[in-house]
Amino acid sequence: MLTIKEYTVEEIKDPFGIIEGDRYEFILFIDVPEDDELYNEKGIYIKALFGVNGEESKVIKYDLFEVETNQYLDFDLEEDEEVELKEFCKTHLTVED
């Protein structure tokens, strides 16, 4: 289960109209229990690219990073966590100007 402490979302602009639909970049700072294999004492965040095209929405790509160093972490979320990530992004598309 993902515990998201804070997040940011930014719409990715496509001035040339190359990409179909809308794209958003999410940065999600997560709280990971010490007994979880993802645990890192320096903290972890997820950088996710989320796409919306009409009624279809999906996580296009995500990566995990260490908060303190911004170092890429070569881990994947579990399938249920990926579903949670998609649902979170889908319900938090509001970009504050």
PDB file of N, CA and C in Angstrom:
ATOM      1  N   MET A   1       0.838  -1.189   0.000  1.00  0.00           N
ATOM      2  CA  MET A   1       0.000   0.000   0.000  1.00  0.00           C
ATOM      3  C   MET A   1       0.878   1.246   0.000  1.00  0.00           C
ATOM      4  N   LEU A   2       0.546   2.180  -0.859  1.00  0.00           N
ATOM      5  CA  LEU A   2       1.296   3.430  -0.944  1.00  0.00           C
ATOM      6  C   LEU A   2       0.764   4.441   0.064  1.00  0.00           C
ATOM      7  N   THR A   3       1.666   5.038   0.819  1.00  0.00           N
ATOM      8  CA  THR A   3       1.301   6.139   1.698  1.00  0.00           C
ATOM      9  C   THR A   3       1.984   7.381   1.147  1.00  0.00           C
ATOM     10  N   ILE A   4       1.197   8.249   0.538  1.00  0.00           N
ATOM     11  CA  ILE A   4       1.736   9.449  -0.097  1.00  0.00           C
ATOM     12  C   ILE A   4       1.681  10.589   0.897  1.00  0.00           C
ATOM     13  N   LYS A   5       2.879  11.126   1.240  1.00  0.00           N
ATOM     14  CA  LYS A   5       2.977  12.205   2.220  1.00  0.00           C
ATOM     15  C   LYS A   5       2.670  13.555   1.591  1.00  0.00           C
ATOM     16  N   GLU A   6       3.180  13.769   0.410  1.00  0.00           N
ATOM     17  CA  GLU A   6       2.913  15.007  -0.320  1.00  0.00           C
ATOM     18  C   GLU A   6       3.187  14.755  -1.793  1.00  0.00           C
ATOM     19  N   TYR A   7       2.670  15.642  -2.631  1.00  0.00           N
ATOM     20  CA  TYR A   7       2.859  15.460  -4.068  1.00  0.00           C
ATOM     21  C   TYR A   7       2.785  16.803  -4.775  1.00  0.00           C
ATOM     22  N   THR A   8       3.311  16.808  -5.993  1.00  0.00           N
ATOM     23  CA  THR A   8       3.129  17.940  -6.897  1.00  0.00           C
ATOM     24  C   THR A   8       2.671  17.364  -8.233  1.00  0.00           C
ATOM     25  N   VAL A   9       1.942  18.176  -8.981  1.00  0.00           N
ATOM     26  CA  VAL A   9       1.517  17.779 -10.321  1.00  0.00           C
ATOM     27  C   VAL A   9       1.689  18.971 -11.244  1.00  0.00           C
ATOM     28  N   GLU A  10       2.191  18.694 -12.441  1.00  0.00           N
ATOM     29  CA  GLU A  10       2.399  19.757 -13.412  1.00  0.00           C
ATOM     30  C   GLU A  10       1.976  19.240 -14.786  1.00  0.00           C
ATOM     31  N   GLU A  11       1.172  20.020 -15.471  1.00  0.00           N
ATOM     32  CA  GLU A  11       0.783  19.639 -16.833  1.00  0.00           C
ATOM     33  C   GLU A  11       1.968  19.878 -17.753  1.00  0.00           C
ATOM     34  N   ILE A  12       2.227  18.916 -18.603  1.00  0.00           N
ATOM     35  CA  ILE A  12       3.306  19.038 -19.579  1.00  0.00           C
ATOM     36  C   ILE A  12       2.715  19.646 -20.849  1.00  0.00           C
ATOM     37  N   LYS A  13       3.206  20.801 -21.212  1.00  0.00           N
ATOM     38  CA  LYS A  13       2.694  21.514 -22.383  1.00  0.00           C
ATOM     39  C   LYS A  13       3.266  20.906 -23.657  1.00  0.00           C
ATOM     40  N   ASP A  14       2.453  20.851 -24.689  1.00  0.00           N
ATOM     41  CA  ASP A  14       2.861  20.334 -26.000  1.00  0.00           C
ATOM     42  C   ASP A  14       2.556  21.393 -27.051  1.00  0.00           C
ATOM     43  N   PRO A  15       3.439  22.381 -27.197  1.00  0.00           N
ATOM     44  CA  PRO A  15       3.153  23.487 -28.109  1.00  0.00           C
ATOM     45  C   PRO A  15       3.065  23.074 -29.581  1.00  0.00           C
ATOM     46  N   PHE A  16       3.599  21.919 -29.934  1.00  0.00           N
ATOM     47  CA  PHE A  16       3.586  21.490 -31.332  1.00  0.00           C
ATOM     48  C   PHE A  16       2.448  20.518 -31.651  1.00  0.00           C
ATOM     49  N   GLY A  17       1.689  20.109 -30.640  1.00  0.00           N
ATOM     50  CA  GLY A  17       0.554  19.215 -30.847  1.00  0.00           C
ATOM     51  C   GLY A  17       0.942  17.811 -31.278  1.00  0.00           C
ATOM     52  N   ILE A  18       2.113  17.359 -30.879  1.00  0.00           N
ATOM     53  CA  ILE A  18       2.603  16.034 -31.257  1.00  0.00           C
ATOM     54  C   ILE A  18       1.935  14.930 -30.435  1.00  0.00           C
ATOM     55  N   ILE A  19       1.707  15.194 -29.167  1.00  0.00           N
ATOM     56  CA  ILE A  19       1.170  14.192 -28.245  1.00  0.00           C
ATOM     57  C   ILE A  19      -0.355  14.256 -28.248  1.00  0.00           C
ATOM     58  N   GLU A  20      -0.984  13.085 -28.368  1.00  0.00           N
ATOM     59  CA  GLU A  20      -2.440  13.027 -28.262  1.00  0.00           C
ATOM     60  C   GLU A  20      -2.841  13.086 -26.793  1.00  0.00           C
ATOM     61  N   GLY A  21      -3.861  13.856 -26.472  1.00  0.00           N
ATOM     62  CA  GLY A  21      -4.328  13.950 -25.096  1.00  0.00           C
ATOM     63  C   GLY A  21      -3.453  14.864 -24.264  1.00  0.00           C
ATOM     64  N   ASP A  22      -3.588  14.713 -22.958  1.00  0.00           N
ATOM     65  CA  ASP A  22      -2.841  15.547 -22.013  1.00  0.00           C
ATOM     66  C   ASP A  22      -1.862  14.686 -21.240  1.00  0.00           C
ATOM     67  N   ARG A  23      -0.747  15.295 -20.835  1.00  0.00           N
ATOM     68  CA  ARG A  23       0.275  14.612 -20.046  1.00  0.00           C
ATOM     69  C   ARG A  23       0.532  15.418 -18.781  1.00  0.00           C
ATOM     70  N   TYR A  24       0.745  14.682 -17.692  1.00  0.00           N
ATOM     71  CA  TYR A  24       1.014  15.304 -16.400  1.00  0.00           C
ATOM     72  C   TYR A  24       2.214  14.616 -15.762  1.00  0.00           C
ATOM     73  N   GLU A  25       3.031  15.409 -15.090  1.00  0.00           N
ATOM     74  CA  GLU A  25       4.147  14.850 -14.332  1.00  0.00           C
ATOM     75  C   GLU A  25       3.817  14.963 -12.848  1.00  0.00           C
ATOM     76  N   PHE A  26       3.814  13.829 -12.174  1.00  0.00           N
ATOM     77  CA  PHE A  26       3.583  13.768 -10.743  1.00  0.00           C
ATOM     78  C   PHE A  26       4.894  13.471 -10.034  1.00  0.00           C
ATOM     79  N   ILE A  27       5.133  14.166  -8.945  1.00  0.00           N
ATOM     80  CA  ILE A  27       6.212  13.844  -8.015  1.00  0.00           C
ATOM     81  C   ILE A  27       5.511  13.498  -6.705  1.00  0.00           C
ATOM     82  N   LEU A  28       5.666  12.245  -6.267  1.00  0.00           N
ATOM     83  CA  LEU A  28       4.967  11.764  -5.075  1.00  0.00           C
ATOM     84  C   LEU A  28       5.980  11.306  -4.037  1.00  0.00           C
ATOM     85  N   PHE A  29       5.993  11.973  -2.905  1.00  0.00           N
ATOM     86  CA  PHE A  29       6.866  11.582  -1.800  1.00  0.00           C
ATOM     87  C   PHE A  29       6.115  10.554  -0.968  1.00  0.00           C
ATOM     88  N   ILE A  30       6.713   9.362  -0.841  1.00  0.00           N
ATOM     89  CA  ILE A  30       6.005   8.269  -0.178  1.00  0.00           C
ATOM     90  C   ILE A  30       6.667   7.907   1.142  1.00  0.00           C
ATOM     91  N   ASP A  31       5.851   7.397   2.043  1.00  0.00           N
ATOM     92  CA  ASP A  31       6.308   6.918   3.335  1.00  0.00           C
ATOM     93  C   ASP A  31       6.383   5.401   3.244  1.00  0.00           C
ATOM     94  N   VAL A  32       7.589   4.849   3.426  1.00  0.00           N
ATOM     95  CA  VAL A  32       7.792   3.410   3.292  1.00  0.00           C
ATOM     96  C   VAL A  32       8.182   2.834   4.650  1.00  0.00           C
ATOM     97  N   PRO A  33       7.460   1.832   5.133  1.00  0.00           N
ATOM     98  CA  PRO A  33       7.806   1.206   6.416  1.00  0.00           C
ATOM     99  C   PRO A  33       9.195   0.566   6.366  1.00  0.00           C
ATOM    100  N   GLU A  34       9.856   0.525   7.519  1.00  0.00           N
ATOM    101  CA  GLU A  34      11.215  -0.017   7.585  1.00  0.00           C
ATOM    102  C   GLU A  34      11.305  -1.469   7.154  1.00  0.00           C
ATOM    103  N   ASP A  35      10.245  -2.233   7.316  1.00  0.00           N
ATOM    104  CA  ASP A  35      10.290  -3.649   6.954  1.00  0.00           C
ATOM    105  C   ASP A  35       9.972  -3.906   5.484  1.00  0.00           C
ATOM    106  N   ASP A  36       9.736  -2.862   4.697  1.00  0.00           N
ATOM    107  CA  ASP A  36       9.442  -2.994   3.269  1.00  0.00           C
ATOM    108  C   ASP A  36      10.756  -3.006   2.488  1.00  0.00           C
ATOM    109  N   GLU A  37      10.826  -3.811   1.434  1.00  0.00           N
ATOM    110  CA  GLU A  37      12.053  -3.893   0.634  1.00  0.00           C
ATOM    111  C   GLU A  37      12.388  -2.580  -0.064  1.00  0.00           C
ATOM    112  N   LEU A  38      11.412  -1.691  -0.239  1.00  0.00           N
ATOM    113  CA  LEU A  38      11.665  -0.373  -0.842  1.00  0.00           C
ATOM    114  C   LEU A  38      12.253   0.634   0.143  1.00  0.00           C
ATOM    115  N   TYR A  39      12.239   0.294   1.430  1.00  0.00           N
ATOM    116  CA  TYR A  39      12.649   1.259   2.456  1.00  0.00           C
ATOM    117  C   TYR A  39      14.047   1.802   2.181  1.00  0.00           C
ATOM    118  N   ASN A  40      14.174   3.102   2.357  1.00  0.00           N
ATOM    119  CA  ASN A  40      15.460   3.791   2.235  1.00  0.00           C
ATOM    120  C   ASN A  40      15.445   4.898   3.283  1.00  0.00           C
ATOM    121  N   GLU A  41      16.442   4.915   4.150  1.00  0.00           N
ATOM    122  CA  GLU A  41      16.447   5.898   5.239  1.00  0.00           C
ATOM    123  C   GLU A  41      16.536   7.338   4.739  1.00  0.00           C
ATOM    124  N   LYS A  42      16.956   7.531   3.512  1.00  0.00           N
ATOM    125  CA  LYS A  42      17.048   8.882   2.950  1.00  0.00           C
ATOM    126  C   LYS A  42      15.756   9.310   2.276  1.00  0.00           C
ATOM    127  N   GLY A  43      14.755   8.436   2.258  1.00  0.00           N
ATOM    128  CA  GLY A  43      13.455   8.761   1.684  1.00  0.00           C
ATOM    129  C   GLY A  43      13.359   8.378   0.216  1.00  0.00           C
ATOM    130  N   ILE A  44      12.127   8.211  -0.234  1.00  0.00           N
ATOM    131  CA  ILE A  44      11.873   7.811  -1.626  1.00  0.00           C
ATOM    132  C   ILE A  44      10.761   8.676  -2.198  1.00  0.00           C
ATOM    133  N   TYR A  45      10.937   9.007  -3.478  1.00  0.00           N
ATOM    134  CA  TYR A  45       9.836   9.643  -4.191  1.00  0.00           C
ATOM    135  C   TYR A  45       9.652   8.957  -5.538  1.00  0.00           C
ATOM    136  N   ILE A  46       8.439   9.080  -6.061  1.00  0.00           N
ATOM    137  CA  ILE A  46       8.088   8.517  -7.350  1.00  0.00           C
ATOM    138  C   ILE A  46       7.895   9.671  -8.327  1.00  0.00           C
ATOM    139  N   LYS A  47       8.508   9.552  -9.485  1.00  0.00           N
ATOM    140  CA  LYS A  47       8.291  10.504 -10.567  1.00  0.00           C
ATOM    141  C   LYS A  47       7.484   9.754 -11.619  1.00  0.00           C
ATOM    142  N   ALA A  48       6.246  10.198 -11.847  1.00  0.00           N
ATOM    143  CA  ALA A  48       5.345   9.475 -12.741  1.00  0.00           C
ATOM    144  C   ALA A  48       4.856  10.373 -13.867  1.00  0.00           C
ATOM    145  N   LEU A  49       4.811   9.811 -15.070  1.00  0.00           N
ATOM    146  CA  LEU A  49       4.227  10.477 -16.225  1.00  0.00           C
ATOM    147  C   LEU A  49       2.859   9.848 -16.440  1.00  0.00           C
ATOM    148  N   PHE A  50       1.821  10.685 -16.387  1.00  0.00           N
ATOM    149  CA  PHE A  50       0.444  10.212 -16.461  1.00  0.00           C
ATOM    150  C   PHE A  50      -0.225  10.821 -17.684  1.00  0.00           C
ATOM    151  N   GLY A  51      -0.914   9.995 -18.459  1.00  0.00           N
ATOM    152  CA  GLY A  51      -1.565  10.464 -19.681  1.00  0.00           C
ATOM    153  C   GLY A  51      -3.071  10.321 -19.631  1.00  0.00           C
ATOM    154  N   VAL A  52      -3.760  11.303 -20.200  1.00  0.00           N
ATOM    155  CA  VAL A  52      -5.218  11.275 -20.316  1.00  0.00           C
ATOM    156  C   VAL A  52      -5.560  11.580 -21.768  1.00  0.00           C
ATOM    157  N   ASN A  53      -6.332  10.669 -22.370  1.00  0.00           N
ATOM    158  CA  ASN A  53      -6.763  10.861 -23.752  1.00  0.00           C
ATOM    159  C   ASN A  53      -8.232  10.466 -23.828  1.00  0.00           C
ATOM    160  N   GLY A  54      -9.093  11.452 -23.768  1.00  0.00           N
ATOM    161  CA  GLY A  54     -10.533  11.185 -23.742  1.00  0.00           C
ATOM    162  C   GLY A  54     -10.902  10.480 -22.452  1.00  0.00           C
ATOM    163  N   GLU A  55     -11.518   9.317 -22.560  1.00  0.00           N
ATOM    164  CA  GLU A  55     -11.926   8.543 -21.383  1.00  0.00           C
ATOM    165  C   GLU A  55     -10.799   7.659 -20.856  1.00  0.00           C
ATOM    166  N   GLU A  56      -9.729   7.515 -21.627  1.00  0.00           N
ATOM    167  CA  GLU A  56      -8.624   6.640 -21.237  1.00  0.00           C
ATOM    168  C   GLU A  56      -7.576   7.413 -20.446  1.00  0.00           C
ATOM    169  N   SER A  57      -7.132   6.817 -19.348  1.00  0.00           N
ATOM    170  CA  SER A  57      -6.042   7.411 -18.576  1.00  0.00           C
ATOM    171  C   SER A  57      -5.117   6.290 -18.108  1.00  0.00           C
ATOM    172  N   LYS A  58      -3.817   6.599 -18.035  1.00  0.00           N
ATOM    173  CA  LYS A  58      -2.868   5.565 -17.627  1.00  0.00           C
ATOM    174  C   LYS A  58      -1.552   6.182 -17.166  1.00  0.00           C
ATOM    175  N   VAL A  59      -0.841   5.404 -16.354  1.00  0.00           N
ATOM    176  CA  VAL A  59       0.520   5.756 -15.981  1.00  0.00           C
ATOM    177  C   VAL A  59       1.398   5.311 -17.146  1.00  0.00           C
ATOM    178  N   ILE A  60       2.023   6.261 -17.800  1.00  0.00           N
ATOM    179  CA  ILE A  60       2.857   5.953 -18.959  1.00  0.00           C
ATOM    180  C   ILE A  60       4.204   5.404 -18.502  1.00  0.00           C
ATOM    181  N   LYS A  61       4.739   6.010 -17.449  1.00  0.00           N
ATOM    182  CA  LYS A  61       6.054   5.613 -16.947  1.00  0.00           C
ATOM    183  C   LYS A  61       6.186   6.136 -15.531  1.00  0.00           C
ATOM    184  N   TYR A  62       6.910   5.396 -14.711  1.00  0.00           N
ATOM    185  CA  TYR A  62       7.256   5.897 -13.384  1.00  0.00           C
ATOM    186  C   TYR A  62       8.649   5.401 -13.018  1.00  0.00           C
ATOM    187  N   ASP A  63       9.314   6.171 -12.181  1.00  0.00           N
ATOM    188  CA  ASP A  63      10.630   5.809 -11.659  1.00  0.00           C
ATOM    189  C   ASP A  63      10.669   6.164 -10.188  1.00  0.00           C
ATOM    190  N   LEU A  64      11.484   5.442  -9.442  1.00  0.00           N
ATOM    191  CA  LEU A  64      11.690   5.706  -8.021  1.00  0.00           C
ATOM    192  C   LEU A  64      13.058   6.351  -7.834  1.00  0.00           C
ATOM    193  N   PHE A  65      13.112   7.324  -6.917  1.00  0.00           N
ATOM    194  CA  PHE A  65      14.350   8.040  -6.644  1.00  0.00           C
ATOM    195  C   PHE A  65      14.545   8.204  -5.140  1.00  0.00           C
ATOM    196  N   GLU A  66      15.790   8.302  -4.726  1.00  0.00           N
ATOM    197  CA  GLU A  66      16.123   8.610  -3.336  1.00  0.00           C
ATOM    198  C   GLU A  66      15.979  10.113  -3.142  1.00  0.00           C
ATOM    199  N   VAL A  67      15.299  10.527  -2.102  1.00  0.00           N
ATOM    200  CA  VAL A  67      15.019  11.949  -1.883  1.00  0.00           C
ATOM    201  C   VAL A  67      16.293  12.767  -1.694  1.00  0.00           C
ATOM    202  N   GLU A  68      17.172  12.311  -0.839  1.00  0.00           N
ATOM    203  CA  GLU A  68      18.343  13.106  -0.461  1.00  0.00           C
ATOM    204  C   GLU A  68      19.320  13.328  -1.613  1.00  0.00           C
ATOM    205  N   THR A  69      19.493  12.333  -2.480  1.00  0.00           N
ATOM    206  CA  THR A  69      20.499  12.415  -3.540  1.00  0.00           C
ATOM    207  C   THR A  69      19.914  12.493  -4.945  1.00  0.00           C
ATOM    208  N   ASN A  70      18.611  12.294  -5.087  1.00  0.00           N
ATOM    209  CA  ASN A  70      17.945  12.205  -6.390  1.00  0.00           C
ATOM    210  C   ASN A  70      18.482  11.056  -7.243  1.00  0.00           C
ATOM    211  N   GLN A  71      19.061  10.068  -6.599  1.00  0.00           N
ATOM    212  CA  GLN A  71      19.605   8.909  -7.292  1.00  0.00           C
ATOM    213  C   GLN A  71      18.473   7.967  -7.707  1.00  0.00           C
ATOM    214  N   TYR A  72      18.526   7.484  -8.961  1.00  0.00           N
ATOM    215  CA  TYR A  72      17.543   6.536  -9.480  1.00  0.00           C
ATOM    216  C   TYR A  72      17.654   5.230  -8.703  1.00  0.00           C
ATOM    217  N   LEU A  73      16.516   4.648  -8.346  1.00  0.00           N
ATOM    218  CA  LEU A  73      16.468   3.363  -7.657  1.00  0.00           C
ATOM    219  C   LEU A  73      15.834   2.346  -8.608  1.00  0.00           C
ATOM    220  N   ASP A  74      16.527   1.249  -8.839  1.00  0.00           N
ATOM    221  CA  ASP A  74      16.076   0.247  -9.796  1.00  0.00           C
ATOM    222  C   ASP A  74      15.115  -0.739  -9.135  1.00  0.00           C
ATOM    223  N   PHE A  75      13.926  -0.240  -8.796  1.00  0.00           N
ATOM    224  CA  PHE A  75      12.867  -1.046  -8.193  1.00  0.00           C
ATOM    225  C   PHE A  75      11.580  -0.801  -8.960  1.00  0.00           C
ATOM    226  N   ASP A  76      10.710  -1.782  -8.919  1.00  0.00           N
ATOM    227  CA  ASP A  76       9.360  -1.621  -9.461  1.00  0.00           C
ATOM    228  C   ASP A  76       8.374  -1.720  -8.310  1.00  0.00           C
ATOM    229  N   LEU A  77       7.265  -1.034  -8.456  1.00  0.00           N
ATOM    230  CA  LEU A  77       6.185  -1.168  -7.489  1.00  0.00           C
ATOM    231  C   LEU A  77       5.498  -2.509  -7.715  1.00  0.00           C
ATOM    232  N   GLU A  78       4.831  -3.003  -6.678  1.00  0.00           N
ATOM    233  CA  GLU A  78       4.029  -4.204  -6.834  1.00  0.00           C
ATOM    234  C   GLU A  78       2.781  -3.848  -7.637  1.00  0.00           C
ATOM    235  N   GLU A  79       2.152  -4.857  -8.206  1.00  0.00           N
ATOM    236  CA  GLU A  79       1.005  -4.625  -9.082  1.00  0.00           C
ATOM    237  C   GLU A  79      -0.102  -3.820  -8.391  1.00  0.00           C
ATOM    238  N   ASP A  80      -0.410  -4.138  -7.140  1.00  0.00           N
ATOM    239  CA  ASP A  80      -1.459  -3.395  -6.432  1.00  0.00           C
ATOM    240  C   ASP A  80      -1.036  -1.952  -6.172  1.00  0.00           C
ATOM    241  N   GLU A  81       0.263  -1.722  -5.973  1.00  0.00           N
ATOM    242  CA  GLU A  81       0.764  -0.356  -5.775  1.00  0.00           C
ATOM    243  C   GLU A  81       0.683   0.434  -7.079  1.00  0.00           C
ATOM    244  N   GLU A  82       0.916  -0.235  -8.209  1.00  0.00           N
ATOM    245  CA  GLU A  82       0.769   0.437  -9.503  1.00  0.00           C
ATOM    246  C   GLU A  82      -0.682   0.864  -9.737  1.00  0.00           C
ATOM    247  N   VAL A  83      -1.614   0.023  -9.317  1.00  0.00           N
ATOM    248  CA  VAL A  83      -3.038   0.364  -9.429  1.00  0.00           C
ATOM    249  C   VAL A  83      -3.343   1.578  -8.543  1.00  0.00           C
ATOM    250  N   GLU A  84      -2.804   1.580  -7.328  1.00  0.00           N
ATOM    251  CA  GLU A  84      -2.999   2.727  -6.418  1.00  0.00           C
ATOM    252  C   GLU A  84      -2.417   4.001  -7.014  1.00  0.00           C
ATOM    253  N   LEU A  85      -1.238   3.893  -7.625  1.00  0.00           N
ATOM    254  CA  LEU A  85      -0.593   5.037  -8.249  1.00  0.00           C
ATOM    255  C   LEU A  85      -1.480   5.604  -9.352  1.00  0.00           C
ATOM    256  N   LYS A  86      -2.018   4.733 -10.197  1.00  0.00           N
ATOM    257  CA  LYS A  86      -2.894   5.183 -11.283  1.00  0.00           C
ATOM    258  C   LYS A  86      -4.126   5.886 -10.726  1.00  0.00           C
ATOM    259  N   GLU A  87      -4.762   5.288  -9.721  1.00  0.00           N
ATOM    260  CA  GLU A  87      -5.976   5.880  -9.148  1.00  0.00           C
ATOM    261  C   GLU A  87      -5.677   7.222  -8.484  1.00  0.00           C
ATOM    262  N   PHE A  88      -4.540   7.313  -7.803  1.00  0.00           N
ATOM    263  CA  PHE A  88      -4.164   8.581  -7.168  1.00  0.00           C
ATOM    264  C   PHE A  88      -3.993   9.659  -8.232  1.00  0.00           C
ATOM    265  N   CYS A  89      -3.234   9.351  -9.265  1.00  0.00           N
ATOM    266  CA  CYS A  89      -3.002  10.338 -10.334  1.00  0.00           C
ATOM    267  C   CYS A  89      -4.314  10.738 -10.989  1.00  0.00           C
ATOM    268  N   LYS A  90      -5.161   9.771 -11.263  1.00  0.00           N
ATOM    269  CA  LYS A  90      -6.437  10.029 -11.926  1.00  0.00           C
ATOM    270  C   LYS A  90      -7.312  10.984 -11.126  1.00  0.00           C
ATOM    271  N   THR A  91      -7.275  10.884  -9.799  1.00  0.00           N
ATOM    272  CA  THR A  91      -8.124  11.720  -8.964  1.00  0.00           C
ATOM    273  C   THR A  91      -7.455  13.014  -8.492  1.00  0.00           C
ATOM    274  N   HIS A  92      -6.185  13.220  -8.855  1.00  0.00           N
ATOM    275  CA  HIS A  92      -5.468  14.438  -8.424  1.00  0.00           C
ATOM    276  C   HIS A  92      -4.885  15.205  -9.610  1.00  0.00           C
ATOM    277  N   LEU A  93      -5.642  15.328 -10.682  1.00  0.00           N
ATOM    278  CA  LEU A  93      -5.162  15.999 -11.891  1.00  0.00           C
ATOM    279  C   LEU A  93      -5.198  17.518 -11.812  1.00  0.00           C
ATOM    280  N   THR A  94      -5.779  18.086 -10.804  1.00  0.00           N
ATOM    281  CA  THR A  94      -5.898  19.530 -10.698  1.00  0.00           C
ATOM    282  C   THR A  94      -4.535  20.168 -10.565  1.00  0.00           C
ATOM    283  N   VAL A  95      -4.239  21.074 -11.476  1.00  0.00           N
ATOM    284  CA  VAL A  95      -2.971  21.800 -11.455  1.00  0.00           C
ATOM    285  C   VAL A  95      -3.270  23.204 -10.969  1.00  0.00           C
ATOM    286  N   GLU A  96      -2.615  23.587  -9.878  1.00  0.00           N
ATOM    287  CA  GLU A  96      -2.820  24.936  -9.328  1.00  0.00           C
ATOM    288  C   GLU A  96      -1.928  25.918 -10.072  1.00  0.00           C
ATOM    289  N   ASP A  97      -2.514  27.015 -10.525  1.00  0.00           N
ATOM    290  CA  ASP A  97      -1.746  28.044 -11.239  1.00  0.00           C
ATOM    291  C   ASP A  97      -1.265  29.114 -10.301  1.00  0.00           C
TER     292      ASP A  97
END
